Protein backbone atom coordinates (compact mmCIF):
# COMPACT_ATOMS: atom_id res chain seq x y z
CA MET A 1 92.35 19.19 346.84
CA ASP A 2 93.17 15.74 348.13
CA SER A 3 93.25 12.73 345.82
CA GLY A 4 90.00 11.40 347.20
CA GLN A 5 87.99 14.34 345.91
CA SER A 6 86.84 14.37 342.33
CA THR A 7 83.77 16.61 342.20
CA SER A 8 84.59 19.90 340.50
CA LEU A 9 82.45 22.88 341.48
CA TRP A 10 81.99 25.50 338.77
CA TRP A 11 83.79 28.28 340.64
CA GLU A 12 86.80 26.26 341.81
CA ARG A 13 90.30 27.08 340.60
CA PRO A 14 93.80 26.36 341.96
CA ASP A 15 93.76 29.31 344.36
CA LEU A 16 90.10 28.93 345.46
CA ARG A 17 88.96 25.45 346.45
CA TYR A 18 88.08 23.08 349.24
CA GLU A 19 90.93 21.21 350.85
CA LYS A 20 89.29 18.28 352.56
CA LYS A 21 86.47 20.03 354.47
CA HIS A 22 87.79 23.58 354.46
CA LEU A 23 87.53 26.44 351.96
CA THR A 24 90.93 27.90 351.05
CA PHE A 25 91.81 31.08 349.20
CA ASP A 26 95.33 31.91 348.08
CA ASP A 27 96.67 29.09 350.29
CA SER A 28 94.88 30.48 353.37
CA LEU A 29 92.13 28.81 355.35
CA LEU A 30 89.23 31.26 355.40
CA GLU A 31 87.43 30.29 358.60
CA PRO A 32 90.42 30.95 360.92
CA LEU A 33 90.88 34.36 359.28
CA ALA A 34 87.24 35.18 359.96
CA ARG A 35 87.53 34.05 363.58
CA SER A 36 90.68 36.07 364.21
CA MET A 37 89.79 39.25 362.31
CA GLY A 38 86.03 39.26 362.88
CA THR A 39 83.26 39.64 360.35
CA PRO A 40 82.15 41.17 358.05
CA LEU A 41 85.56 40.77 356.47
CA PHE A 42 86.71 41.40 352.89
CA ILE A 43 89.80 39.44 351.89
CA TYR A 44 91.72 40.19 348.68
CA SER A 45 94.44 38.17 346.98
CA SER A 46 97.39 40.11 345.57
CA ARG A 47 98.47 37.06 343.59
CA ARG A 48 95.08 36.86 341.86
CA ILE A 49 95.23 40.56 341.01
CA ARG A 50 98.68 40.15 339.48
CA HIS A 51 97.52 37.04 337.63
CA ASN A 52 94.59 38.93 336.11
CA LEU A 53 96.80 41.84 335.05
CA GLU A 54 99.30 39.46 333.48
CA ARG A 55 96.54 37.68 331.56
CA LEU A 56 95.48 41.00 330.06
CA HIS A 57 99.06 41.90 329.14
CA THR A 58 99.56 38.51 327.48
CA ALA A 59 96.35 38.85 325.44
CA LEU A 60 97.04 42.45 324.44
CA GLY A 61 100.62 41.61 323.54
CA LYS A 62 99.26 39.45 320.71
CA THR A 63 97.26 42.27 319.12
CA GLY A 64 100.17 43.99 317.42
CA THR A 65 99.22 47.33 318.99
CA LEU A 66 100.68 49.70 321.52
CA PHE A 67 98.56 49.53 324.66
CA SER A 68 98.13 50.86 328.17
CA LEU A 69 96.04 49.58 331.08
CA PHE A 70 94.36 51.74 333.68
CA TYR A 71 92.73 50.09 336.69
CA ALA A 72 89.25 51.54 337.35
CA MET A 73 89.64 52.66 340.95
CA LYS A 74 85.89 52.93 341.54
CA ALA A 75 85.78 49.11 341.61
CA ASN A 76 87.85 48.97 344.81
CA ARG A 77 89.79 51.81 346.47
CA PHE A 78 91.28 49.90 349.44
CA GLN A 79 94.66 51.63 349.79
CA PRO A 80 96.83 48.52 350.36
CA LEU A 81 95.26 47.06 347.19
CA LEU A 82 96.01 50.24 345.22
CA THR A 83 99.56 50.31 346.53
CA PHE A 84 100.05 46.71 345.46
CA ILE A 85 98.73 47.47 341.97
CA LYS A 86 101.18 50.36 341.75
CA SER A 87 104.03 48.04 342.77
CA THR A 88 103.32 45.69 339.85
CA GLY A 89 104.05 48.40 337.28
CA LEU A 90 101.46 46.74 335.04
CA CYS A 91 98.86 49.51 334.89
CA GLY A 92 97.90 53.04 335.76
CA ILE A 93 94.66 54.32 337.29
CA ASP A 94 91.30 55.19 335.78
CA ALA A 95 89.76 57.89 338.00
CA CYS A 96 86.31 59.44 337.86
CA SER A 97 86.44 62.12 340.56
CA PRO A 98 89.00 64.60 341.91
CA GLU A 99 89.30 62.65 345.16
CA GLU A 100 90.15 59.49 343.22
CA VAL A 101 92.92 61.45 341.48
CA PHE A 102 94.29 62.61 344.83
CA LEU A 103 94.12 59.08 346.26
CA ALA A 104 95.93 57.69 343.23
CA ARG A 105 98.65 60.31 343.70
CA ALA A 106 98.92 59.36 347.39
CA CYS A 107 99.47 55.74 346.37
CA GLY A 108 102.35 56.70 344.09
CA PHE A 109 100.72 57.07 340.67
CA GLN A 110 101.98 60.01 338.62
CA PRO A 111 99.48 62.22 336.70
CA GLU A 112 100.59 60.87 333.31
CA SER A 113 99.55 57.37 334.46
CA ILE A 114 96.07 58.52 335.55
CA SER A 115 93.23 58.62 333.03
CA PHE A 116 90.34 60.81 334.17
CA THR A 117 86.82 60.32 332.80
CA ALA A 118 83.85 61.69 334.72
CA THR A 119 80.35 63.02 334.21
CA SER A 120 78.40 66.08 335.43
CA LEU A 121 81.54 67.86 336.57
CA SER A 122 81.28 71.08 338.55
CA SER A 123 83.56 74.06 338.06
CA GLN A 124 85.19 73.20 341.39
CA ASP A 125 85.87 69.65 340.15
CA LEU A 126 87.60 71.00 337.06
CA ASP A 127 89.67 73.48 339.06
CA LEU A 128 90.95 70.57 341.16
CA ILE A 129 91.84 68.17 338.34
CA LEU A 130 93.43 70.85 336.15
CA ARG A 131 96.10 71.32 338.82
CA HIS A 132 97.67 68.14 337.41
CA ASP A 133 99.25 69.29 334.15
CA SER A 134 99.92 65.87 332.63
CA LEU A 135 96.69 64.18 333.77
CA ILE A 136 94.95 62.36 330.90
CA ILE A 137 91.50 63.95 330.58
CA ASN A 138 88.52 62.62 328.61
CA CYS A 139 85.67 65.12 328.22
CA ASP A 140 82.20 63.70 328.80
CA SER A 141 80.24 66.70 327.50
CA ILE A 142 80.43 69.86 325.42
CA SER A 143 80.06 71.78 328.68
CA MET A 144 83.25 70.16 329.99
CA ILE A 145 85.13 70.99 326.77
CA ARG A 146 84.08 74.63 327.04
CA LYS A 147 85.00 74.92 330.73
CA ILE A 148 88.44 73.39 330.14
CA GLY A 149 88.95 75.71 327.18
CA GLU A 150 88.11 78.73 329.34
CA ARG A 151 90.62 77.64 331.99
CA CYS A 152 93.38 76.01 329.96
CA PRO A 153 93.24 76.99 326.28
CA GLY A 154 95.51 74.80 324.18
CA ARG A 155 95.40 71.83 326.59
CA GLU A 156 95.33 68.37 325.01
CA ILE A 157 92.06 66.49 325.63
CA GLY A 158 90.16 63.35 324.79
CA ILE A 159 86.41 63.14 324.23
CA ARG A 160 84.05 60.48 325.46
CA LEU A 161 81.68 59.18 322.79
CA ASN A 162 78.26 57.58 323.20
CA PRO A 163 77.67 55.21 320.25
CA ALA A 164 74.04 54.49 321.29
CA MET A 165 75.00 50.80 321.59
CA GLY A 166 75.87 48.86 324.71
CA VAL A 167 77.04 45.56 326.16
CA GLY A 168 76.78 44.23 329.70
CA TYR A 169 76.16 41.17 331.83
CA GLY A 170 73.00 39.26 330.94
CA GLU A 171 69.85 41.30 330.50
CA VAL A 172 70.59 43.88 333.19
CA ASP A 173 69.83 47.22 331.54
CA LEU A 174 71.42 49.19 334.40
CA LEU A 175 74.81 47.72 333.45
CA ARG A 176 74.68 49.33 330.00
CA TYR A 177 76.08 52.84 329.79
CA SER A 178 74.70 53.37 326.29
CA GLY A 179 72.05 51.76 324.12
CA ASP A 180 68.40 52.24 323.24
CA ARG A 181 67.82 54.25 326.40
CA THR A 182 69.34 57.72 326.27
CA THR A 183 72.00 58.01 328.98
CA LYS A 184 73.99 60.86 330.51
CA PHE A 185 77.35 59.52 329.35
CA GLY A 186 79.41 60.99 326.56
CA ILE A 187 78.78 62.81 323.30
CA TYR A 188 76.28 61.42 320.80
CA ARG A 189 76.84 61.49 317.05
CA GLU A 190 74.46 64.41 316.58
CA GLN A 191 76.52 66.48 319.05
CA PHE A 192 79.89 65.45 317.68
CA ASP A 193 80.44 68.33 315.25
CA GLU A 194 79.56 70.87 317.93
CA ALA A 195 82.01 69.19 320.33
CA VAL A 196 84.81 69.36 317.74
CA ASP A 197 84.02 72.99 316.93
CA THR A 198 84.04 73.90 320.63
CA ALA A 199 87.44 72.29 321.13
CA ARG A 200 88.78 74.04 318.03
CA ALA A 201 87.54 77.40 319.27
CA TYR A 202 89.76 77.07 322.36
CA GLY A 203 92.69 75.46 320.57
CA LEU A 204 92.19 72.15 322.40
CA PRO A 205 93.79 69.31 320.39
CA ILE A 206 91.60 66.18 320.50
CA THR A 207 94.15 63.36 320.51
CA ARG A 208 92.04 60.64 322.09
CA ILE A 209 88.55 59.16 322.01
CA HIS A 210 87.03 57.17 324.84
CA PHE A 211 83.94 55.00 325.10
CA HIS A 212 82.72 52.72 327.88
CA THR A 213 79.41 51.13 326.99
CA GLY A 214 78.66 48.62 329.73
CA CYS A 215 79.84 46.25 332.46
CA GLY A 216 80.28 42.50 332.58
CA TYR A 217 80.21 41.50 328.91
CA LEU A 218 81.24 37.95 328.02
CA THR A 219 82.27 36.19 324.80
CA SER A 220 78.81 36.07 323.22
CA GLN A 221 78.71 39.89 323.17
CA LEU A 222 82.04 40.45 321.44
CA GLU A 223 80.36 40.83 318.06
CA THR A 224 78.31 43.75 319.40
CA TRP A 225 81.41 45.18 321.08
CA SER A 226 83.21 45.07 317.73
CA ARG A 227 80.34 46.99 316.09
CA ILE A 228 80.60 49.59 318.85
CA ILE A 229 84.29 50.06 318.06
CA THR A 230 83.47 50.43 314.36
CA THR A 231 80.84 53.08 315.13
CA CYS A 232 83.17 55.09 317.33
CA LEU A 233 86.06 54.91 314.88
CA ASP A 234 83.75 56.13 312.15
CA MET A 235 82.91 59.17 314.28
CA ALA A 236 86.61 59.73 314.97
CA LYS A 237 87.51 60.08 311.28
CA ALA A 238 86.99 63.81 311.73
CA LEU A 239 89.87 63.98 314.23
CA PRO A 240 93.16 64.37 312.34
CA GLN A 241 95.23 64.47 315.54
CA LEU A 242 93.84 61.19 316.92
CA GLN A 243 96.57 59.14 318.61
CA THR A 244 94.79 56.99 321.19
CA VAL A 245 91.52 55.08 321.53
CA ASN A 246 90.35 54.17 325.04
CA LEU A 247 88.04 51.14 324.83
CA GLY A 248 86.84 51.48 328.42
CA GLY A 249 86.41 48.52 330.71
CA GLY A 250 83.48 46.18 331.23
CA LEU A 251 85.22 42.83 330.74
CA GLY A 252 83.09 40.31 332.60
CA LEU A 253 83.55 37.08 334.51
CA PRO A 254 81.27 34.14 335.34
CA HIS A 255 78.62 34.52 338.03
CA THR A 256 76.77 31.21 337.53
CA PRO A 257 77.57 27.66 336.38
CA HIS A 258 76.06 28.59 333.00
CA ASP A 259 78.47 31.47 332.35
CA LYS A 260 81.65 30.78 330.42
CA PRO A 261 84.77 32.86 331.12
CA LEU A 262 85.49 35.64 328.67
CA ASP A 263 87.62 34.25 325.83
CA LEU A 264 90.58 36.63 326.03
CA GLU A 265 92.02 35.40 322.73
CA ALA A 266 88.75 36.19 320.94
CA TRP A 267 88.60 39.54 322.76
CA ALA A 268 92.14 40.38 321.71
CA SER A 269 91.35 39.33 318.14
CA VAL A 270 88.66 42.01 317.99
CA ILE A 271 91.21 44.62 319.05
CA HIS A 272 93.72 43.28 316.52
CA SER A 273 91.18 43.47 313.70
CA HIS A 274 90.50 47.15 314.36
CA PHE A 275 93.90 48.53 315.36
CA SER A 276 96.78 46.37 314.13
CA GLY A 277 98.98 48.42 311.82
CA THR A 278 97.16 51.69 312.47
CA GLY A 279 99.73 53.17 314.85
CA ILE A 280 96.93 54.04 317.26
CA ARG A 281 97.58 53.32 320.93
CA VAL A 282 94.83 51.30 322.63
CA GLU A 283 93.91 52.03 326.23
CA LEU A 284 91.69 49.91 328.48
CA GLU A 285 90.35 50.56 331.97
CA PRO A 286 89.10 47.29 333.50
CA GLY A 287 88.09 47.25 337.14
CA ASP A 288 86.00 44.14 337.73
CA PHE A 289 88.20 41.91 335.59
CA ILE A 290 91.22 42.83 337.68
CA VAL A 291 89.77 42.68 341.20
CA LYS A 292 86.32 41.09 341.37
CA ASP A 293 87.39 37.45 341.58
CA SER A 294 90.34 38.45 343.77
CA GLY A 295 88.02 39.21 346.69
CA ILE A 296 85.81 37.29 349.12
CA LEU A 297 83.37 38.59 351.72
CA LEU A 298 83.16 36.52 354.92
CA LEU A 299 80.01 36.70 357.04
CA GLU A 300 78.78 34.82 360.11
CA VAL A 301 75.52 32.90 360.11
CA ASN A 302 73.32 34.28 362.90
CA MET A 303 70.00 32.59 362.13
CA VAL A 304 68.78 29.40 360.49
CA GLU A 305 65.01 29.23 360.62
CA LYS A 306 62.08 27.98 358.57
CA LYS A 307 59.41 30.59 357.82
CA GLN A 308 56.38 29.08 356.14
CA ASP A 309 57.77 27.05 353.22
CA ARG A 310 61.22 28.63 353.13
CA ILE A 311 64.43 28.14 355.11
CA PHE A 312 66.19 31.42 355.84
CA VAL A 313 69.89 31.61 356.60
CA GLY A 314 70.55 35.02 358.15
CA VAL A 315 74.04 36.56 358.11
CA ASN A 316 75.66 39.56 359.77
CA GLY A 317 76.02 41.68 356.65
CA GLY A 318 73.58 43.07 354.14
CA PHE A 319 73.25 44.68 350.74
CA ASN A 320 74.84 47.87 352.07
CA LEU A 321 78.19 46.03 352.05
CA ALA A 322 77.92 44.65 348.50
CA MET A 323 74.97 46.02 346.59
CA GLU A 324 75.23 44.26 343.22
CA PRO A 325 73.02 41.23 344.03
CA ALA A 326 70.19 43.45 345.30
CA PHE A 327 70.47 46.43 342.95
CA TYR A 328 71.82 44.90 339.73
CA SER A 329 70.47 41.34 340.04
CA LEU A 330 73.96 39.93 339.70
CA PRO A 331 73.95 36.31 340.91
CA CYS A 332 75.67 35.62 344.20
CA GLU A 333 77.51 32.41 345.17
CA PRO A 334 77.50 31.80 348.96
CA LEU A 335 79.70 28.96 350.21
CA PRO A 336 80.26 27.43 353.66
CA CYS A 337 83.83 27.85 354.86
CA SER A 338 83.76 24.49 356.62
CA LEU A 339 81.93 21.30 355.81
CA SER A 340 80.77 18.52 358.09
CA VAL A 341 81.64 15.88 355.49
CA ASP A 342 84.05 15.77 352.54
CA LYS A 343 83.20 17.96 349.59
CA ASP A 344 82.19 15.02 347.37
CA LEU A 345 79.41 14.21 349.82
CA ALA A 346 78.52 17.73 350.94
CA PHE A 347 77.61 18.98 347.46
CA THR A 348 75.46 16.07 346.34
CA SER A 349 71.76 16.68 345.77
CA GLU A 350 70.92 14.44 348.72
CA ASN A 351 72.87 16.60 351.16
CA MET A 352 71.90 20.07 349.96
CA THR A 353 68.79 22.08 350.73
CA PRO A 354 67.42 25.19 348.98
CA VAL A 355 67.76 28.18 351.29
CA THR A 356 67.38 31.94 351.14
CA ILE A 357 70.45 33.86 352.32
CA ALA A 358 69.22 37.02 354.04
CA GLY A 359 71.18 40.01 355.30
CA ASN A 360 70.75 42.01 358.50
CA ILE A 361 69.37 45.22 356.96
CA ASN A 362 65.74 46.01 357.73
CA GLU A 363 64.73 46.16 354.05
CA ALA A 364 62.84 43.61 351.98
CA LEU A 365 65.41 43.68 349.18
CA ASP A 366 68.21 42.61 351.53
CA ILE A 367 68.52 39.12 350.07
CA TRP A 368 71.82 37.66 348.93
CA ALA A 369 70.43 34.59 347.18
CA GLU A 370 67.10 32.75 346.91
CA ASN A 371 66.55 29.01 346.55
CA HIS A 372 70.29 28.52 346.73
CA LEU A 373 71.40 24.93 347.33
CA LEU A 374 73.72 24.58 350.31
CA PRO A 375 74.88 21.85 352.66
CA PRO A 376 73.36 22.16 356.17
CA MET A 377 74.20 25.48 357.87
CA ALA A 378 74.15 26.28 361.60
CA GLU A 379 74.31 29.45 363.65
CA GLY A 380 77.93 30.50 364.11
CA ASP A 381 79.10 29.06 360.78
CA ILE A 382 81.13 31.28 358.44
CA LEU A 383 79.77 31.89 354.95
CA ALA A 384 81.92 33.11 352.06
CA LEU A 385 80.61 35.20 349.17
CA ILE A 386 82.96 34.94 346.20
CA ASN A 387 83.47 37.62 343.51
CA ALA A 388 83.40 40.34 346.17
CA GLY A 389 86.57 42.14 345.11
CA GLY A 390 84.90 44.72 342.86
CA TYR A 391 81.97 47.09 343.38
CA ALA A 392 81.37 45.81 346.90
CA SER A 393 83.22 47.62 349.69
CA ALA A 394 83.75 50.61 347.38
CA MET A 395 79.97 51.09 347.11
CA SER A 396 79.16 50.33 350.74
CA SER A 397 77.02 52.53 352.97
CA ASN A 398 76.22 52.84 356.65
CA HIS A 399 72.50 52.14 356.14
CA CYS A 400 70.87 51.15 359.45
CA LEU A 401 74.27 51.98 361.00
CA ARG A 402 75.48 48.55 359.86
CA GLY A 403 78.28 49.71 357.61
CA ALA A 404 81.21 48.47 359.70
CA PHE A 405 83.54 45.94 358.06
CA ARG A 406 87.22 45.10 357.83
CA GLU A 407 89.44 44.59 354.81
CA MET A 408 92.75 42.80 354.37
CA ILE A 409 94.96 41.83 351.46
CA LEU A 410 96.93 38.60 351.24
CA VAL A 411 100.37 39.38 349.85
CA GLY A 412 102.35 36.47 348.53
């Protein structure tokens, strides 16, 4: 940012900011990339991914525990991104389907660095994953324990617990994997003894517990997260061979000016309070925290038009490319890639207008943002949607035959 600019926008950081009138990401001007590659275009920053992984390692290194990280592949499975993550040596892979296991193997991850946790598994699924002898497996149900026991008696397993408590971003119930509403995930306390007995009947040592209770939690929810850990550890007292506790993922990041970044020191302090000195290895499987803010979706403005009392800015990509704003009510932050005036002037109240950013899918819910303040937009402009690195392209569909997009990773 040049010395003449002083206004700080809530989302800005050293690698994502306006330089004069142009939005830059990882030292690259975004509009020329959109013009040369075409839109819709997802752009990912390898340096941001590494930075996020290193932040987690630094925080966990202060907990006094042994730890392992597994990147949740379902957040983003773009192969160049996976290959880069493998090259860092900073984490393994969290997989939730046989095909994710095979893709992880294709990108260089060995079975012992792949943690597999899935739900509603078929017999065919199990036959596929059990080919990998050293794959880390967490059983989501008593049915899964029994089926593994029938196929591989004596195999070491973990079990996924459901503590009937959850954390997640804001008030979005769909982002909680456990809580007041009964969910399909894991083994509840009242099933726990039966799960242990089933494993014992097949000689399956239970050396690990796993629990993932929601997505997008921030600092204010750490107290609840700590209670969840306490509940699960209480259940695990019946497991004399316990060696590892997988705390799942779900670490959140800001989506609005009112959100504060997750306090990693406070987060690590919770882990320290439960595990320091126990000899138990802690595993974590973040996806969003590693990749979400490392990605941007670039779209072209194809319509600016007032309809009744509302100005609509239409773009050439819809909710089928990044479904979280429409399906999970996660706030979206659209930004113009180029400004007609310097940033200090462009983002003043006098120069911004509330608009509705609409996608090109023929569905009423295809809205990126409503009453969003933006500087003036024109047809042909390029719009950037930040925080598009996780649960965007990986969840895309070809609805209305508008599923085409490109992806690229900036390697620096």
